Amino acid sequence: AHQGIAHPACDFARHVMQAALAGTAIRLADGPTNVMP
């Protein structure tokens, strides 16, 4: 019920991705929204 792209656990993972890979030429992409229109 609480899994999703805006969860604080996801913020932590994205921050680690940024800190580890910023400036390395590795591009970063976020995940999807699973609420379908």
ModelCIF file with pLDDT and N, C-alpha, C, O atoms, coordinates in Angstrom:
data_MODEL
#
_entry.id   MODEL 
#
_entity.id                         1 
_entity.type                       polymer 
_entity.pdbx_number_of_molecules   1 
#
_entity_poly.entity_id                      1 
_entity_poly.type                           'polypeptide(L)' 
_entity_poly.nstd_linkage                   no 
_entity_poly.nstd_monomer                   no 
_entity_poly.pdbx_seq_one_letter_code       AHQGIAHPACDFARHVMQAALAGTAIRLADGPTNVMP 
_entity_poly.pdbx_seq_one_letter_code_can   AHQGIAHPACDFARHVMQAALAGTAIRLADGPTNVMP 
_entity_poly.pdbx_strand_id                 A 
#
loop_
_entity_poly_seq.entity_id 
_entity_poly_seq.num 
_entity_poly_seq.mon_id 
_entity_poly_seq.hetero 
1 1  ALA n 
1 2  HIS n 
1 3  GLN n 
1 4  GLY n 
1 5  ILE n 
1 6  ALA n 
1 7  HIS n 
1 8  PRO n 
1 9  ALA n 
1 10 CYS n 
1 11 ASP n 
1 12 PHE n 
1 13 ALA n 
1 14 ARG n 
1 15 HIS n 
1 16 VAL n 
1 17 MET n 
1 18 GLN n 
1 19 ALA n 
1 20 ALA n 
1 21 LEU n 
1 22 ALA n 
1 23 GLY n 
1 24 THR n 
1 25 ALA n 
1 26 ILE n 
1 27 ARG n 
1 28 LEU n 
1 29 ALA n 
1 30 ASP n 
1 31 GLY n 
1 32 PRO n 
1 33 THR n 
1 34 ASN n 
1 35 VAL n 
1 36 MET n 
1 37 PRO n 
#
_struct_asym.id          A 
_struct_asym.entity_id   1 
#
loop_
_ma_qa_metric.id 
_ma_qa_metric.mode 
_ma_qa_metric.name 
_ma_qa_metric.software_group_id 
_ma_qa_metric.type 
1 global pLDDT . pLDDT 
2 local  pLDDT . pLDDT 
#
_ma_qa_metric_global.metric_id      1 
_ma_qa_metric_global.metric_value   95.43 
_ma_qa_metric_global.model_id       1 
_ma_qa_metric_global.ordinal_id     1 
#
loop_
_ma_qa_metric_local.label_asym_id 
_ma_qa_metric_local.label_comp_id 
_ma_qa_metric_local.label_seq_id 
_ma_qa_metric_local.metric_id 
_ma_qa_metric_local.metric_value 
_ma_qa_metric_local.model_id 
_ma_qa_metric_local.ordinal_id 
A ALA 1  2 90.00 1 1  
A HIS 2  2 94.00 1 2  
A GLN 3  2 93.00 1 3  
A GLY 4  2 90.00 1 4  
A ILE 5  2 94.00 1 5  
A ALA 6  2 94.00 1 6  
A HIS 7  2 96.00 1 7  
A PRO 8  2 96.00 1 8  
A ALA 9  2 97.00 1 9  
A CYS 10 2 97.00 1 10 
A ASP 11 2 97.00 1 11 
A PHE 12 2 97.00 1 12 
A ALA 13 2 98.00 1 13 
A ARG 14 2 98.00 1 14 
A HIS 15 2 98.00 1 15 
A VAL 16 2 98.00 1 16 
A MET 17 2 98.00 1 17 
A GLN 18 2 97.00 1 18 
A ALA 19 2 96.00 1 19 
A ALA 20 2 96.00 1 20 
A LEU 21 2 96.00 1 21 
A ALA 22 2 93.00 1 22 
A GLY 23 2 89.00 1 23 
A THR 24 2 92.00 1 24 
A ALA 25 2 91.00 1 25 
A ILE 26 2 96.00 1 26 
A ARG 27 2 97.00 1 27 
A LEU 28 2 97.00 1 28 
A ALA 29 2 98.00 1 29 
A ASP 30 2 98.00 1 30 
A GLY 31 2 97.00 1 31 
A PRO 32 2 96.00 1 32 
A THR 33 2 96.00 1 33 
A ASN 34 2 93.00 1 34 
A VAL 35 2 95.00 1 35 
A MET 36 2 96.00 1 36 
A PRO 37 2 97.00 1 37 
#
loop_
_atom_site.group_PDB 
_atom_site.id 
_atom_site.type_symbol 
_atom_site.label_atom_id 
_atom_site.label_alt_id 
_atom_site.label_comp_id 
_atom_site.label_asym_id 
_atom_site.label_entity_id 
_atom_site.label_seq_id 
_atom_site.pdbx_PDB_ins_code 
_atom_site.Cartn_x 
_atom_site.Cartn_y 
_atom_site.Cartn_z 
_atom_site.occupancy 
_atom_site.B_iso_or_equiv 
_atom_site.pdbx_formal_charge 
_atom_site.auth_seq_id 
_atom_site.auth_comp_id 
_atom_site.auth_asym_id 
_atom_site.auth_atom_id 
_atom_site.pdbx_PDB_model_num 
ATOM 1   N N  . ALA A 1 1  ? 0.817  -1.213 0.000   1.00 90.00 ? 1  ALA A N  1 
ATOM 2   C CA . ALA A 1 1  ? 0.000  0.000  0.000   1.00 90.00 ? 1  ALA A CA 1 
ATOM 3   C C  . ALA A 1 1  ? 0.849  1.261  0.000   1.00 90.00 ? 1  ALA A C  1 
ATOM 4   O O  . ALA A 1 1  ? 0.378  2.323  -0.405  1.00 90.00 ? 1  ALA A O  1 
ATOM 5   N N  . HIS A 1 2  ? 2.088  1.158  0.447   1.00 94.00 ? 2  HIS A N  1 
ATOM 6   C CA . HIS A 1 2  ? 2.947  2.345  0.564   1.00 94.00 ? 2  HIS A CA 1 
ATOM 7   C C  . HIS A 1 2  ? 4.149  2.289  -0.369  1.00 94.00 ? 2  HIS A C  1 
ATOM 8   O O  . HIS A 1 2  ? 5.024  3.151  -0.298  1.00 94.00 ? 2  HIS A O  1 
ATOM 9   N N  . GLN A 1 3  ? 4.205  1.290  -1.238  1.00 93.00 ? 3  GLN A N  1 
ATOM 10  C CA . GLN A 1 3  ? 5.287  1.232  -2.218  1.00 93.00 ? 3  GLN A CA 1 
ATOM 11  C C  . GLN A 1 3  ? 5.026  2.257  -3.309  1.00 93.00 ? 3  GLN A C  1 
ATOM 12  O O  . GLN A 1 3  ? 3.907  2.363  -3.812  1.00 93.00 ? 3  GLN A O  1 
ATOM 13  N N  . GLY A 1 4  ? 6.036  2.999  -3.670  1.00 90.00 ? 4  GLY A N  1 
ATOM 14  C CA . GLY A 1 4  ? 5.856  3.993  -4.720  1.00 90.00 ? 4  GLY A CA 1 
ATOM 15  C C  . GLY A 1 4  ? 7.050  4.902  -4.843  1.00 90.00 ? 4  GLY A C  1 
ATOM 16  O O  . GLY A 1 4  ? 7.945  4.911  -3.998  1.00 90.00 ? 4  GLY A O  1 
ATOM 17  N N  . ILE A 1 5  ? 7.043  5.659  -5.907  1.00 94.00 ? 5  ILE A N  1 
ATOM 18  C CA . ILE A 1 5  ? 8.182  6.469  -6.275  1.00 94.00 ? 5  ILE A CA 1 
ATOM 19  C C  . ILE A 1 5  ? 8.471  7.604  -5.291  1.00 94.00 ? 5  ILE A C  1 
ATOM 20  O O  . ILE A 1 5  ? 9.598  8.094  -5.226  1.00 94.00 ? 5  ILE A O  1 
ATOM 21  N N  . ALA A 1 6  ? 7.452  8.027  -4.520  1.00 94.00 ? 6  ALA A N  1 
ATOM 22  C CA . ALA A 1 6  ? 7.628  9.149  -3.603  1.00 94.00 ? 6  ALA A CA 1 
ATOM 23  C C  . ALA A 1 6  ? 7.967  8.713  -2.180  1.00 94.00 ? 6  ALA A C  1 
ATOM 24  O O  . ALA A 1 6  ? 8.047  9.559  -1.290  1.00 94.00 ? 6  ALA A O  1 
ATOM 25  N N  . HIS A 1 7  ? 8.168  7.426  -1.943  1.00 96.00 ? 7  HIS A N  1 
ATOM 26  C CA . HIS A 1 7  ? 8.480  6.963  -0.587  1.00 96.00 ? 7  HIS A CA 1 
ATOM 27  C C  . HIS A 1 7  ? 9.863  7.452  -0.162  1.00 96.00 ? 7  HIS A C  1 
ATOM 28  O O  . HIS A 1 7  ? 10.767 7.522  -0.995  1.00 96.00 ? 7  HIS A O  1 
ATOM 29  N N  . PRO A 1 8  ? 10.052 7.795  1.127   1.00 96.00 ? 8  PRO A N  1 
ATOM 30  C CA . PRO A 1 8  ? 11.377 8.251  1.588   1.00 96.00 ? 8  PRO A CA 1 
ATOM 31  C C  . PRO A 1 8  ? 12.504 7.259  1.315   1.00 96.00 ? 8  PRO A C  1 
ATOM 32  O O  . PRO A 1 8  ? 13.644 7.670  1.095   1.00 96.00 ? 8  PRO A O  1 
ATOM 33  N N  . ALA A 1 9  ? 12.206 5.966  1.328   1.00 97.00 ? 9  ALA A N  1 
ATOM 34  C CA . ALA A 1 9  ? 13.248 4.979  1.005   1.00 97.00 ? 9  ALA A CA 1 
ATOM 35  C C  . ALA A 1 9  ? 13.760 5.173  -0.422  1.00 97.00 ? 9  ALA A C  1 
ATOM 36  O O  . ALA A 1 9  ? 14.943 4.973  -0.695  1.00 97.00 ? 9  ALA A O  1 
ATOM 37  N N  . CYS A 1 10 ? 12.876 5.560  -1.317  1.00 97.00 ? 10 CYS A N  1 
ATOM 38  C CA . CYS A 1 10 ? 13.290 5.823  -2.698  1.00 97.00 ? 10 CYS A CA 1 
ATOM 39  C C  . CYS A 1 10 ? 14.134 7.089  -2.779  1.00 97.00 ? 10 CYS A C  1 
ATOM 40  O O  . CYS A 1 10 ? 15.089 7.155  -3.553  1.00 97.00 ? 10 CYS A O  1 
ATOM 41  N N  . ASP A 1 11 ? 13.783 8.093  -1.980  1.00 97.00 ? 11 ASP A N  1 
ATOM 42  C CA . ASP A 1 11 ? 14.609 9.304  -1.950  1.00 97.00 ? 11 ASP A CA 1 
ATOM 43  C C  . ASP A 1 11 ? 16.038 8.968  -1.537  1.00 97.00 ? 11 ASP A C  1 
ATOM 44  O O  . ASP A 1 11 ? 16.993 9.486  -2.116  1.00 97.00 ? 11 ASP A O  1 
ATOM 45  N N  . PHE A 1 12 ? 16.186 8.103  -0.537  1.00 97.00 ? 12 PHE A N  1 
ATOM 46  C CA . PHE A 1 12 ? 17.526 7.706  -0.099  1.00 97.00 ? 12 PHE A CA 1 
ATOM 47  C C  . PHE A 1 12 ? 18.298 7.036  -1.239  1.00 97.00 ? 12 PHE A C  1 
ATOM 48  O O  . PHE A 1 12 ? 19.460 7.359  -1.486  1.00 97.00 ? 12 PHE A O  1 
ATOM 49  N N  . ALA A 1 13 ? 17.641 6.104  -1.926  1.00 98.00 ? 13 ALA A N  1 
ATOM 50  C CA . ALA A 1 13 ? 18.315 5.389  -3.015  1.00 98.00 ? 13 ALA A CA 1 
ATOM 51  C C  . ALA A 1 13 ? 18.729 6.347  -4.130  1.00 98.00 ? 13 ALA A C  1 
ATOM 52  O O  . ALA A 1 13 ? 19.835 6.250  -4.660  1.00 98.00 ? 13 ALA A O  1 
ATOM 53  N N  . ARG A 1 14 ? 17.843 7.265  -4.480  1.00 98.00 ? 14 ARG A N  1 
ATOM 54  C CA . ARG A 1 14 ? 18.178 8.227  -5.539  1.00 98.00 ? 14 ARG A CA 1 
ATOM 55  C C  . ARG A 1 14 ? 19.314 9.146  -5.113  1.00 98.00 ? 14 ARG A C  1 
ATOM 56  O O  . ARG A 1 14 ? 20.177 9.479  -5.925  1.00 98.00 ? 14 ARG A O  1 
ATOM 57  N N  . HIS A 1 15 ? 19.324 9.561  -3.841  1.00 98.00 ? 15 HIS A N  1 
ATOM 58  C CA . HIS A 1 15 ? 20.419 10.410 -3.367  1.00 98.00 ? 15 HIS A CA 1 
ATOM 59  C C  . HIS A 1 15 ? 21.751 9.678  -3.455  1.00 98.00 ? 15 HIS A C  1 
ATOM 60  O O  . HIS A 1 15 ? 22.763 10.272 -3.826  1.00 98.00 ? 15 HIS A O  1 
ATOM 61  N N  . VAL A 1 16 ? 21.755 8.390  -3.115  1.00 98.00 ? 16 VAL A N  1 
ATOM 62  C CA . VAL A 1 16 ? 22.987 7.597  -3.221  1.00 98.00 ? 16 VAL A CA 1 
ATOM 63  C C  . VAL A 1 16 ? 23.409 7.497  -4.686  1.00 98.00 ? 16 VAL A C  1 
ATOM 64  O O  . VAL A 1 16 ? 24.591 7.635  -5.003  1.00 98.00 ? 16 VAL A O  1 
ATOM 65  N N  . MET A 1 17 ? 22.456 7.259  -5.570  1.00 98.00 ? 17 MET A N  1 
ATOM 66  C CA . MET A 1 17 ? 22.773 7.187  -6.993  1.00 98.00 ? 17 MET A CA 1 
ATOM 67  C C  . MET A 1 17 ? 23.425 8.481  -7.469  1.00 98.00 ? 17 MET A C  1 
ATOM 68  O O  . MET A 1 17 ? 24.424 8.457  -8.187  1.00 98.00 ? 17 MET A O  1 
ATOM 69  N N  . GLN A 1 18 ? 22.850 9.606  -7.063  1.00 97.00 ? 18 GLN A N  1 
ATOM 70  C CA . GLN A 1 18 ? 23.405 10.890 -7.473  1.00 97.00 ? 18 GLN A CA 1 
ATOM 71  C C  . GLN A 1 18 ? 24.802 11.106 -6.918  1.00 97.00 ? 18 GLN A C  1 
ATOM 72  O O  . GLN A 1 18 ? 25.720 11.475 -7.651  1.00 97.00 ? 18 GLN A O  1 
ATOM 73  N N  . ALA A 1 19 ? 24.959 10.877 -5.623  1.00 96.00 ? 19 ALA A N  1 
ATOM 74  C CA . ALA A 1 19 ? 26.250 11.134 -4.991  1.00 96.00 ? 19 ALA A CA 1 
ATOM 75  C C  . ALA A 1 19 ? 27.339 10.219 -5.552  1.00 96.00 ? 19 ALA A C  1 
ATOM 76  O O  . ALA A 1 19 ? 28.488 10.633 -5.706  1.00 96.00 ? 19 ALA A O  1 
ATOM 77  N N  . ALA A 1 20 ? 26.972 8.982  -5.853  1.00 96.00 ? 20 ALA A N  1 
ATOM 78  C CA . ALA A 1 20 ? 27.969 8.019  -6.339  1.00 96.00 ? 20 ALA A CA 1 
ATOM 79  C C  . ALA A 1 20 ? 28.339 8.239  -7.797  1.00 96.00 ? 20 ALA A C  1 
ATOM 80  O O  . ALA A 1 20 ? 29.458 7.929  -8.204  1.00 96.00 ? 20 ALA A O  1 
ATOM 81  N N  . LEU A 1 21 ? 27.402 8.778  -8.597  1.00 96.00 ? 21 LEU A N  1 
ATOM 82  C CA . LEU A 1 21 ? 27.613 8.789  -10.045 1.00 96.00 ? 21 LEU A CA 1 
ATOM 83  C C  . LEU A 1 21 ? 27.628 10.178 -10.669 1.00 96.00 ? 21 LEU A C  1 
ATOM 84  O O  . LEU A 1 21 ? 27.845 10.294 -11.875 1.00 96.00 ? 21 LEU A O  1 
ATOM 85  N N  . ALA A 1 22 ? 27.408 11.226 -9.898  1.00 93.00 ? 22 ALA A N  1 
ATOM 86  C CA . ALA A 1 22 ? 27.435 12.577 -10.459 1.00 93.00 ? 22 ALA A CA 1 
ATOM 87  C C  . ALA A 1 22 ? 28.792 12.859 -11.081 1.00 93.00 ? 22 ALA A C  1 
ATOM 88  O O  . ALA A 1 22 ? 29.834 12.599 -10.478 1.00 93.00 ? 22 ALA A O  1 
ATOM 89  N N  . GLY A 1 23 ? 28.765 13.394 -12.290 1.00 89.00 ? 23 GLY A N  1 
ATOM 90  C CA . GLY A 1 23 ? 30.001 13.755 -12.968 1.00 89.00 ? 23 GLY A CA 1 
ATOM 91  C C  . GLY A 1 23 ? 30.714 12.622 -13.664 1.00 89.00 ? 23 GLY A C  1 
ATOM 92  O O  . GLY A 1 23 ? 31.769 12.833 -14.262 1.00 89.00 ? 23 GLY A O  1 
ATOM 93  N N  . THR A 1 24 ? 30.159 11.411 -13.599 1.00 92.00 ? 24 THR A N  1 
ATOM 94  C CA . THR A 1 24 ? 30.839 10.244 -14.178 1.00 92.00 ? 24 THR A CA 1 
ATOM 95  C C  . THR A 1 24 ? 30.427 9.962  -15.622 1.00 92.00 ? 24 THR A C  1 
ATOM 96  O O  . THR A 1 24 ? 30.950 9.032  -16.236 1.00 92.00 ? 24 THR A O  1 
ATOM 97  N N  . ALA A 1 25 ? 29.512 10.735 -16.170 1.00 91.00 ? 25 ALA A N  1 
ATOM 98  C CA . ALA A 1 25 ? 28.940 10.530 -17.504 1.00 91.00 ? 25 ALA A CA 1 
ATOM 99  C C  . ALA A 1 25 ? 27.917 9.400  -17.532 1.00 91.00 ? 25 ALA A C  1 
ATOM 100 O O  . ALA A 1 25 ? 27.401 9.064  -18.598 1.00 91.00 ? 25 ALA A O  1 
ATOM 101 N N  . ILE A 1 26 ? 27.615 8.804  -16.369 1.00 96.00 ? 26 ILE A N  1 
ATOM 102 C CA . ILE A 1 26 ? 26.547 7.804  -16.278 1.00 96.00 ? 26 ILE A CA 1 
ATOM 103 C C  . ILE A 1 26 ? 25.231 8.540  -16.064 1.00 96.00 ? 26 ILE A C  1 
ATOM 104 O O  . ILE A 1 26 ? 25.076 9.273  -15.086 1.00 96.00 ? 26 ILE A O  1 
ATOM 105 N N  . ARG A 1 27 ? 24.289 8.347  -16.973 1.00 97.00 ? 27 ARG A N  1 
ATOM 106 C CA . ARG A 1 27 ? 23.013 9.044  -16.858 1.00 97.00 ? 27 ARG A CA 1 
ATOM 107 C C  . ARG A 1 27 ? 22.089 8.344  -15.870 1.00 97.00 ? 27 ARG A C  1 
ATOM 108 O O  . ARG A 1 27 ? 22.117 7.121  -15.728 1.00 97.00 ? 27 ARG A O  1 
ATOM 109 N N  . LEU A 1 28 ? 21.273 9.140  -15.191 1.00 97.00 ? 28 LEU A N  1 
ATOM 110 C CA . LEU A 1 28 ? 20.350 8.606  -14.197 1.00 97.00 ? 28 LEU A CA 1 
ATOM 111 C C  . LEU A 1 28 ? 18.917 8.758  -14.685 1.00 97.00 ? 28 LEU A C  1 
ATOM 112 O O  . LEU A 1 28 ? 18.569 9.745  -15.332 1.00 97.00 ? 28 LEU A O  1 
ATOM 113 N N  . ALA A 1 29 ? 18.096 7.772  -14.369 1.00 98.00 ? 29 ALA A N  1 
ATOM 114 C CA . ALA A 1 29 ? 16.682 7.817  -14.729 1.00 98.00 ? 29 ALA A CA 1 
ATOM 115 C C  . ALA A 1 29 ? 15.848 7.355  -13.555 1.00 98.00 ? 29 ALA A C  1 
ATOM 116 O O  . ALA A 1 29 ? 16.206 6.403  -12.862 1.00 98.00 ? 29 ALA A O  1 
ATOM 117 N N  . ASP A 1 30 ? 14.729 8.037  -13.334 1.00 98.00 ? 30 ASP A N  1 
ATOM 118 C CA . ASP A 1 30 ? 13.817 7.672  -12.251 1.00 98.00 ? 30 ASP A CA 1 
ATOM 119 C C  . ASP A 1 30 ? 12.830 6.620  -12.744 1.00 98.00 ? 30 ASP A C  1 
ATOM 120 O O  . ASP A 1 30 ? 12.769 6.312  -13.935 1.00 98.00 ? 30 ASP A O  1 
ATOM 121 N N  . GLY A 1 31 ? 12.066 6.081  -11.812 1.00 97.00 ? 31 GLY A N  1 
ATOM 122 C CA . GLY A 1 31 ? 11.133 5.009  -12.133 1.00 97.00 ? 31 GLY A CA 1 
ATOM 123 C C  . GLY A 1 31 ? 9.776  5.512  -12.578 1.00 97.00 ? 31 GLY A C  1 
ATOM 124 O O  . GLY A 1 31 ? 9.584  6.717  -12.743 1.00 97.00 ? 31 GLY A O  1 
ATOM 125 N N  . PRO A 1 32 ? 8.828  4.601  -12.776 1.00 96.00 ? 32 PRO A N  1 
ATOM 126 C CA . PRO A 1 32 ? 7.506  4.948  -13.293 1.00 96.00 ? 32 PRO A CA 1 
ATOM 127 C C  . PRO A 1 32 ? 6.500  5.228  -12.190 1.00 96.00 ? 32 PRO A C  1 
ATOM 128 O O  . PRO A 1 32 ? 6.732  4.946  -11.015 1.00 96.00 ? 32 PRO A O  1 
ATOM 129 N N  . THR A 1 33 ? 5.382  5.790  -12.606 1.00 96.00 ? 33 THR A N  1 
ATOM 130 C CA . THR A 1 33 ? 4.182  5.888  -11.777 1.00 96.00 ? 33 THR A CA 1 
ATOM 131 C C  . THR A 1 33 ? 3.261  4.744  -12.178 1.00 96.00 ? 33 THR A C  1 
ATOM 132 O O  . THR A 1 33 ? 2.977  4.556  -13.361 1.00 96.00 ? 33 THR A O  1 
ATOM 133 N N  . ASN A 1 34 ? 2.793  3.975  -11.187 1.00 93.00 ? 34 ASN A N  1 
ATOM 134 C CA . ASN A 1 34 ? 2.002  2.790  -11.529 1.00 93.00 ? 34 ASN A CA 1 
ATOM 135 C C  . ASN A 1 34 ? 0.497  3.015  -11.440 1.00 93.00 ? 34 ASN A C  1 
ATOM 136 O O  . ASN A 1 34 ? -0.270 2.056  -11.520 1.00 93.00 ? 34 ASN A O  1 
ATOM 137 N N  . VAL A 1 35 ? 0.062  4.258  -11.277 1.00 95.00 ? 35 VAL A N  1 
ATOM 138 C CA . VAL A 1 35 ? -1.359 4.578  -11.344 1.00 95.00 ? 35 VAL A CA 1 
ATOM 139 C C  . VAL A 1 35 ? -1.686 4.899  -12.795 1.00 95.00 ? 35 VAL A C  1 
ATOM 140 O O  . VAL A 1 35 ? -1.271 5.937  -13.311 1.00 95.00 ? 35 VAL A O  1 
ATOM 141 N N  . MET A 1 36 ? -2.416 4.029  -13.446 1.00 96.00 ? 36 MET A N  1 
ATOM 142 C CA . MET A 1 36 ? -2.645 4.159  -14.885 1.00 96.00 ? 36 MET A CA 1 
ATOM 143 C C  . MET A 1 36 ? -3.830 5.077  -15.185 1.00 96.00 ? 36 MET A C  1 
ATOM 144 O O  . MET A 1 36 ? -4.861 4.984  -14.519 1.00 96.00 ? 36 MET A O  1 
ATOM 145 N N  . PRO A 1 37 ? -3.698 5.965  -16.181 1.00 97.00 ? 37 PRO A N  1 
ATOM 146 C CA . PRO A 1 37 ? -4.805 6.850  -16.564 1.00 97.00 ? 37 PRO A CA 1 
ATOM 147 C C  . PRO A 1 37 ? -5.796 6.139  -17.485 1.00 97.00 ? 37 PRO A C  1 
ATOM 148 O O  . PRO A 1 37 ? -6.787 6.736  -17.903 1.00 97.00 ? 37 PRO A O  1 
#
